[in-house]
Structure formats: structure tokens, C-alpha cells
Amino acid sequence: MEEMSMEDKKKFVMENCTCEKCPSYKDCSAEGGEKEKGFCFPMIGKSGCIKEEKGCICGGCPVYTKMGLKNQYYCTRGSEKAQEENK
């Protein structure tokens, strides 16, 4: 992943993300926002409407494995980078 550009990484995230299958996922477009996913990616970050943590499937996502991620609940806690900075 390191050799990929940020745009290529974002494209990979958006094509392989499993956020929409998560029990915590909420479609923000139902509240007038945009449909969101790929919260682990720094250019996206946490959701604007998901506030409740109902379970997390991040660990089983192909993006999680490929990018070497280690945190969870990116939708409510922010990207991997943001969570690491807050420790």
C-alpha cells in the first residue's frame, strides 16, 4: 500500500470497504447528508451521523488487513491516524 498514491489508496478503500454491512452503520443520506463509508481512511475520517457503537466488523474488512490497521470503530472514533494521535 505504501507505493500507492493517496488517490489510489482511497479508490482501493472505497471499492473494498465493508462499512455498509456493519451493525453500527447508518446511511447518513437518510438524514439529508451524504452516503458515507471508508471511515478508516484519513481523507474521510469519522461519520457525520453515526453516533452509536452497536458492534464493529472492521477487523474482518479486506481494507483493514491490506492497510495493516489495528484500531476499530473508525465510523465513530475517526481514522487510524486520528485514533493513534489521540492515544
Protein backbone atom coordinates (compact mmCIF):
# COMPACT_ATOMS: atom_id res chain seq x y z
CA MET A 1 0.00 0.00 0.00
CA GLU A 2 2.90 2.39 0.68
CA GLU A 3 3.79 2.66 -3.01
CA MET A 4 0.23 3.68 -3.97
CA SER A 5 -0.78 7.33 -4.29
CA MET A 6 -3.34 8.72 -1.83
CA GLU A 7 -5.98 8.74 -4.59
CA ASP A 8 -5.24 5.10 -5.45
CA LYS A 9 -5.44 4.19 -1.76
CA LYS A 10 -8.78 5.99 -1.46
CA LYS A 11 -10.08 4.16 -4.53
CA PHE A 12 -9.00 0.82 -3.02
CA VAL A 13 -10.72 1.69 0.25
CA MET A 14 -13.98 2.69 -1.44
CA GLU A 15 -14.03 -0.43 -3.65
CA ASN A 16 -13.27 -2.90 -0.83
CA CYS A 17 -14.85 -1.29 2.24
CA THR A 18 -17.40 -3.35 4.22
CA CYS A 19 -18.75 -0.49 6.38
CA GLU A 20 -22.28 -0.85 4.99
CA LYS A 21 -22.52 -4.40 6.43
CA CYS A 22 -21.64 -3.28 9.97
CA PRO A 23 -24.26 -3.23 12.76
CA SER A 24 -23.14 0.31 13.67
CA TYR A 25 -23.52 1.59 10.09
CA LYS A 26 -26.16 4.22 9.40
CA ASP A 27 -26.90 5.69 5.97
CA CYS A 28 -26.44 9.43 6.51
CA SER A 29 -28.26 10.21 3.26
CA ALA A 30 -31.49 9.28 5.09
CA GLU A 31 -30.91 12.41 7.22
CA GLY A 32 -30.06 14.67 4.30
CA GLY A 33 -26.32 14.01 4.42
CA GLU A 34 -24.15 12.05 2.04
CA LYS A 35 -23.83 8.27 1.94
CA GLU A 36 -20.54 7.58 3.72
CA LYS A 37 -18.07 4.70 4.05
CA GLY A 38 -14.31 4.16 4.28
CA PHE A 39 -14.04 5.82 7.70
CA CYS A 40 -10.62 4.25 8.38
CA PHE A 41 -9.10 6.39 5.64
CA PRO A 42 -7.65 9.75 6.83
CA MET A 43 -9.16 11.67 3.90
CA ILE A 44 -12.62 10.51 5.05
CA GLY A 45 -12.50 10.13 8.85
CA LYS A 46 -15.42 9.51 11.16
CA SER A 47 -19.07 9.69 10.19
CA GLY A 48 -21.13 12.82 10.46
CA CYS A 49 -24.21 10.92 11.65
CA ILE A 50 -23.16 7.59 13.23
CA LYS A 51 -23.07 8.18 16.98
CA GLU A 52 -23.93 4.76 18.48
CA GLU A 53 -21.49 1.83 18.55
CA LYS A 54 -23.58 -1.32 18.01
CA GLY A 55 -20.75 -3.67 17.06
CA CYS A 56 -17.71 -3.48 14.79
CA ILE A 57 -16.65 -5.62 11.82
CA CYS A 58 -13.57 -3.58 10.88
CA GLY A 59 -11.22 -6.45 11.78
CA GLY A 60 -12.76 -8.62 9.05
CA CYS A 61 -12.59 -5.98 6.31
CA PRO A 62 -10.11 -6.51 3.44
CA VAL A 63 -9.06 -2.86 3.79
CA TYR A 64 -8.18 -3.44 7.46
CA THR A 65 -5.87 -6.32 6.54
CA LYS A 66 -4.31 -4.73 3.43
CA MET A 67 -3.59 -1.42 5.17
CA GLY A 68 -2.29 -3.05 8.37
CA LEU A 69 -4.84 -1.30 10.59
CA LYS A 70 -5.18 -2.08 14.31
CA ASN A 71 -8.00 0.06 15.72
CA GLN A 72 -11.78 -0.27 15.42
CA TYR A 73 -14.93 1.85 15.28
CA TYR A 74 -13.50 4.21 12.65
CA CYS A 75 -17.04 5.46 11.98
CA THR A 76 -17.31 6.97 15.48
CA ARG A 77 -13.70 7.35 16.63
CA GLY A 78 -12.01 8.56 13.43
CA SER A 79 -9.36 7.23 11.06
CA GLU A 80 -6.44 5.03 12.10
CA LYS A 81 -4.21 8.13 12.12
CA ALA A 82 -6.66 10.14 14.25
CA GLN A 83 -7.05 7.34 16.79
CA GLU A 84 -3.29 6.86 17.07
CA GLU A 85 -2.81 10.60 17.63
CA ASN A 86 -5.41 10.56 20.44
CA LYS A 87 -3.69 7.79 22.44
